Amino acid sequence: MTKIALVTGASRGLGRNTALSIARRGGDVIITYHSRSDEADAVVAEVQAMGRKAVALQLDTGDVGAFAAFADRLRGALSEMWQRDSFDHLVNNAGHGDYALIAETSEAQFDRLVDVHFKGVFFLTQALLPLIADGGRIVNLSTGLTRITYPGYAAYSAVKGAVEVLTRYMAKELGARGIAVNTVAPGAIETDFGGGVVRDNPELNEQFAALTALGRVGLPDDIGPMIAGLLSEDNRWVNAQRIEVSGGQGL
């Protein structure tokens, strides 16, 4: 039976690349988007062009109150398109970059990071647990900056550190259902994430490249295929792990 993966925040960047990589490996995908329905529809069209099924659903991962209604819409999409009442893989990718020194970080910035990157991951997964098939997979996205430090990334990285701890607890509690849960921690990547800070700032790009053993920052194609591979049966015994995909950043 074809595996179905739900990838949050998949209208652009790493989420988009992950969804397309899953489709290339023969999977079907459900993607979520925050506001850009046109970009989400373009991803769906790319997946369908590969002969796979796809659907896009709107979701604000920082709005916990909307998760029950989202689960209902997801249940309807599964029934209509796949004649199923469950999906197999959840990739908690959605997020945003908001960077400031500790002395300059506002409470509003901090709260939004927590809401989207931690609280959202916790409660969205909770809301979708009845729909995740036994033997499924969950991948939570973190960052290489939980291992190394770089000024201005304290709040963002601390919240991602909480996700890494949460991942281990998810693996423990969901193990009885055969659900494997892992964290993927990318290094600096050239996308529009955080306003394209790594992609569009040559000085920052060079600084992160100099910190990386392979001498460059990452690209979406360095991450999406790895996540797709982690979801496969070839990696069924990988569980409760933090897997950094950074080209050897900060060695």
Protein backbone atom coordinates (compact mmCIF):
# COMPACT_ATOMS: atom_id res chain seq x y z
CA MET A 1 0.00 0.00 0.00
CA THR A 2 1.28 3.46 -0.91
CA LYS A 3 2.50 5.48 2.05
CA ILE A 4 0.94 8.88 2.71
CA ALA A 5 3.04 11.64 4.30
CA LEU A 6 1.80 14.90 5.80
CA VAL A 7 4.41 17.65 5.56
CA THR A 8 3.64 20.93 7.31
CA GLY A 9 4.84 24.19 5.80
CA ALA A 10 5.47 22.55 2.44
CA SER A 11 4.59 25.34 0.03
CA ARG A 12 8.24 26.50 -0.03
CA GLY A 13 11.76 25.82 1.17
CA LEU A 14 12.68 22.60 2.93
CA GLY A 15 9.06 21.51 3.26
CA ARG A 16 8.50 21.77 -0.48
CA ASN A 17 11.70 19.89 -1.20
CA THR A 18 10.76 17.19 1.30
CA ALA A 19 7.30 16.73 -0.23
CA LEU A 20 8.75 16.43 -3.73
CA SER A 21 11.46 14.03 -2.52
CA ILE A 22 8.82 11.80 -0.93
CA ALA A 23 6.86 11.78 -4.18
CA ARG A 24 9.98 10.86 -6.16
CA ARG A 25 10.35 7.82 -3.90
CA GLY A 26 6.80 6.73 -4.69
CA GLY A 27 4.86 8.27 -1.80
CA ASP A 28 1.74 10.41 -1.78
CA VAL A 29 1.71 13.69 0.12
CA ILE A 30 -0.55 16.03 2.00
CA ILE A 31 1.00 19.47 2.38
CA THR A 32 0.00 22.37 4.56
CA TYR A 33 0.53 26.04 3.88
CA HIS A 34 0.02 29.15 5.97
CA SER A 35 -1.15 31.75 3.43
CA ARG A 36 0.30 31.19 -0.06
CA SER A 37 -2.27 28.88 -1.65
CA ASP A 38 -0.79 29.55 -5.10
CA GLU A 39 2.59 28.17 -4.05
CA ALA A 40 0.92 25.18 -2.39
CA ASP A 41 -1.09 24.45 -5.52
CA ALA A 42 2.13 24.54 -7.55
CA VAL A 43 3.67 21.88 -5.28
CA VAL A 44 0.56 19.72 -5.63
CA ALA A 45 0.81 20.03 -9.42
CA GLU A 46 4.49 18.97 -9.34
CA VAL A 47 3.65 15.92 -7.26
CA GLN A 48 0.78 14.98 -9.55
CA ALA A 49 3.07 15.34 -12.57
CA MET A 50 5.13 12.51 -11.04
CA GLY A 51 2.05 10.29 -11.01
CA ARG A 52 1.51 10.61 -7.26
CA LYS A 53 -1.50 11.92 -5.34
CA ALA A 54 -1.37 15.16 -3.37
CA VAL A 55 -3.60 17.66 -1.63
CA ALA A 56 -2.93 21.02 0.07
CA LEU A 57 -4.66 22.13 3.27
CA GLN A 58 -4.37 25.52 4.99
CA LEU A 59 -2.96 25.49 8.53
CA ASP A 60 -1.45 27.97 10.96
CA THR A 61 0.74 25.77 13.16
CA GLY A 62 0.84 28.49 15.79
CA ASP A 63 -2.95 28.38 16.28
CA VAL A 64 -3.62 25.41 18.56
CA GLY A 65 -7.33 26.19 18.64
CA ALA A 66 -7.58 25.38 14.93
CA PHE A 67 -6.09 21.89 15.17
CA ALA A 68 -9.32 19.98 15.84
CA ALA A 69 -10.96 21.48 12.76
CA PHE A 70 -7.82 20.76 10.74
CA ALA A 71 -7.91 17.12 11.82
CA ASP A 72 -11.50 16.94 10.59
CA ARG A 73 -10.53 18.40 7.21
CA LEU A 74 -7.62 16.00 7.00
CA ARG A 75 -9.91 13.08 7.79
CA GLY A 76 -12.16 14.17 4.94
CA ALA A 77 -9.27 14.49 2.50
CA LEU A 78 -7.98 11.02 3.41
CA SER A 79 -11.41 9.50 2.83
CA GLU A 80 -12.07 11.34 -0.43
CA MET A 81 -8.69 10.89 -2.12
CA TRP A 82 -7.35 7.68 -0.62
CA GLN A 83 -10.38 5.93 0.86
CA ARG A 84 -8.41 5.66 4.07
CA ASP A 85 -8.89 6.85 7.64
CA SER A 86 -5.19 7.21 8.43
CA PHE A 87 -1.86 8.44 7.07
CA ASP A 88 1.62 7.05 7.65
CA HIS A 89 4.21 9.80 8.10
CA LEU A 90 4.11 13.20 9.81
CA VAL A 91 6.88 15.73 9.12
CA ASN A 92 6.64 18.69 11.50
CA ASN A 93 8.51 21.17 9.32
CA ALA A 94 6.47 24.39 9.43
CA GLY A 95 8.18 27.33 11.05
CA HIS A 96 9.63 30.80 10.74
CA GLY A 97 12.89 32.50 11.55
CA ASP A 98 12.93 35.38 14.01
CA TYR A 99 16.38 36.34 15.18
CA ALA A 100 17.62 38.87 17.75
CA LEU A 101 20.19 39.12 20.50
CA ILE A 102 18.92 38.13 23.95
CA ALA A 103 19.01 41.76 25.08
CA GLU A 104 16.82 42.77 22.15
CA THR A 105 14.32 39.89 21.92
CA SER A 106 10.73 40.96 22.58
CA GLU A 107 8.20 38.86 24.42
CA ALA A 108 6.05 38.81 21.28
CA GLN A 109 8.92 37.36 19.25
CA PHE A 110 9.61 34.77 21.93
CA ASP A 111 5.97 33.76 22.26
CA ARG A 112 5.50 33.34 18.51
CA LEU A 113 8.58 31.11 18.30
CA VAL A 114 7.25 28.95 21.13
CA ASP A 115 3.75 28.83 19.64
CA VAL A 116 4.88 27.75 16.18
CA HIS A 117 7.99 25.67 16.80
CA PHE A 118 7.21 23.94 20.08
CA LYS A 119 3.62 24.29 21.27
CA GLY A 120 2.38 23.81 17.73
CA VAL A 121 4.46 20.67 17.20
CA PHE A 122 3.30 19.21 20.52
CA PHE A 123 -0.42 19.82 20.10
CA LEU A 124 -0.64 19.23 16.35
CA THR A 125 0.96 15.82 16.83
CA GLN A 126 -1.44 15.18 19.71
CA ALA A 127 -4.43 16.12 17.54
CA LEU A 128 -3.27 13.86 14.69
CA LEU A 129 -2.30 10.80 16.72
CA PRO A 130 -5.67 9.08 16.08
CA LEU A 131 -5.02 9.48 12.33
CA ILE A 132 -1.41 8.24 12.25
CA ALA A 133 -1.21 4.58 11.31
CA ASP A 134 0.48 2.15 13.66
CA GLY A 135 4.00 1.53 12.42
CA GLY A 136 4.20 5.08 11.11
CA ARG A 137 6.93 7.69 11.34
CA ILE A 138 7.24 11.19 12.77
CA VAL A 139 10.07 13.58 11.92
CA ASN A 140 10.47 16.84 13.83
CA LEU A 141 12.68 19.56 12.39
CA SER A 142 15.30 21.18 14.60
CA THR A 143 18.50 23.09 13.81
CA GLY A 144 22.25 22.66 13.94
CA LEU A 145 22.24 25.66 16.28
CA THR A 146 21.17 23.50 19.21
CA ARG A 147 24.70 22.08 19.15
CA ILE A 148 26.74 25.15 18.23
CA THR A 149 26.02 28.75 19.18
CA TYR A 150 25.76 31.87 17.03
CA PRO A 151 24.75 35.27 18.44
CA GLY A 152 21.17 36.26 17.70
CA TYR A 153 19.72 32.76 17.55
CA ALA A 154 19.17 32.11 21.27
CA ALA A 155 15.36 32.01 21.42
CA TYR A 156 14.97 30.14 18.14
CA SER A 157 17.57 27.55 19.07
CA ALA A 158 16.31 27.09 22.62
CA VAL A 159 12.82 26.33 21.31
CA LYS A 160 14.27 23.81 18.87
CA GLY A 161 16.16 22.25 21.78
CA ALA A 162 12.80 21.68 23.45
CA VAL A 163 11.62 19.91 20.29
CA GLU A 164 14.60 17.57 20.48
CA VAL A 165 13.67 16.57 24.04
CA LEU A 166 10.02 16.20 22.99
CA THR A 167 11.08 13.89 20.17
CA ARG A 168 12.63 11.41 22.60
CA TYR A 169 9.49 11.40 24.74
CA MET A 170 7.31 10.89 21.68
CA ALA A 171 9.47 7.92 20.67
CA LYS A 172 9.09 6.41 24.14
CA GLU A 173 5.36 6.92 24.43
CA LEU A 174 4.48 5.94 20.85
CA GLY A 175 6.79 2.92 20.69
CA ALA A 176 3.97 0.59 21.69
CA ARG A 177 2.27 1.52 18.41
CA GLY A 178 5.42 0.92 16.41
CA ILE A 179 5.75 4.61 15.57
CA ALA A 180 9.37 5.78 15.21
CA VAL A 181 10.10 9.43 16.00
CA ASN A 182 13.29 11.27 15.09
CA THR A 183 14.67 14.80 14.88
CA VAL A 184 16.41 16.11 11.76
CA ALA A 185 18.64 19.11 12.46
CA PRO A 186 19.76 20.97 9.32
CA GLY A 187 22.71 23.32 9.33
CA ALA A 188 22.58 26.71 7.60
CA ILE A 189 20.52 26.36 4.40
CA GLU A 190 19.98 28.68 1.43
CA THR A 191 16.21 29.21 1.38
CA ASP A 192 13.84 32.13 1.96
CA PHE A 193 13.55 31.03 5.62
CA GLY A 194 14.01 33.93 8.02
CA GLY A 195 13.69 36.39 5.17
CA GLY A 196 16.40 34.60 3.21
CA VAL A 197 19.00 35.55 5.81
CA VAL A 198 21.50 32.83 4.86
CA ARG A 199 20.76 32.88 1.12
CA ASP A 200 20.77 36.65 0.62
CA ASN A 201 23.36 37.87 3.12
CA PRO A 202 26.79 37.15 1.55
CA GLU A 203 28.69 37.88 4.76
CA LEU A 204 26.56 35.52 6.86
CA ASN A 205 26.65 32.90 4.10
CA GLU A 206 30.43 33.02 4.07
CA GLN A 207 30.64 32.83 7.86
CA PHE A 208 28.52 29.68 8.02
CA ALA A 209 30.36 28.18 5.05
CA ALA A 210 33.64 28.73 6.90
CA LEU A 211 32.19 26.85 9.90
CA THR A 212 31.31 23.86 7.73
CA ALA A 213 33.71 21.02 6.92
CA LEU A 214 32.44 20.76 3.34
CA GLY A 215 33.05 24.48 2.81
CA ARG A 216 29.57 25.70 1.90
CA VAL A 217 26.12 26.19 3.34
CA GLY A 218 23.41 23.68 2.53
CA LEU A 219 20.75 23.60 -0.16
CA PRO A 220 17.20 22.22 0.05
CA ASP A 221 18.33 19.21 -2.02
CA ASP A 222 20.73 18.35 0.81
CA ILE A 223 17.85 17.93 3.26
CA GLY A 224 14.60 16.84 1.56
CA PRO A 225 15.93 13.56 0.13
CA MET A 226 17.48 12.68 3.50
CA ILE A 227 14.13 13.11 5.26
CA ALA A 228 12.38 11.07 2.57
CA GLY A 229 14.97 8.33 3.07
CA LEU A 230 14.53 8.40 6.83
CA LEU A 231 10.82 7.71 6.37
CA SER A 232 11.49 4.55 4.37
CA GLU A 233 11.42 0.99 5.66
CA ASP A 234 15.19 0.88 5.15
CA ASN A 235 15.46 3.06 8.27
CA ARG A 236 12.73 1.45 10.36
CA TRP A 237 15.11 0.78 13.28
CA VAL A 238 16.24 4.41 13.56
CA ASN A 239 14.32 5.85 16.50
CA ALA A 240 14.61 8.62 19.11
CA GLN A 241 17.63 10.12 17.35
CA ARG A 242 18.84 13.63 16.63
CA ILE A 243 20.29 13.44 13.11
CA GLU A 244 22.24 16.51 12.09
CA VAL A 245 22.45 17.20 8.35
CA SER A 246 24.87 20.11 8.19
CA GLY A 247 27.87 19.13 6.07
CA GLY A 248 29.95 19.02 9.25
CA GLN A 249 29.04 22.40 10.69
CA GLY A 250 31.02 23.67 13.68
CA LEU A 251 33.56 20.86 13.92
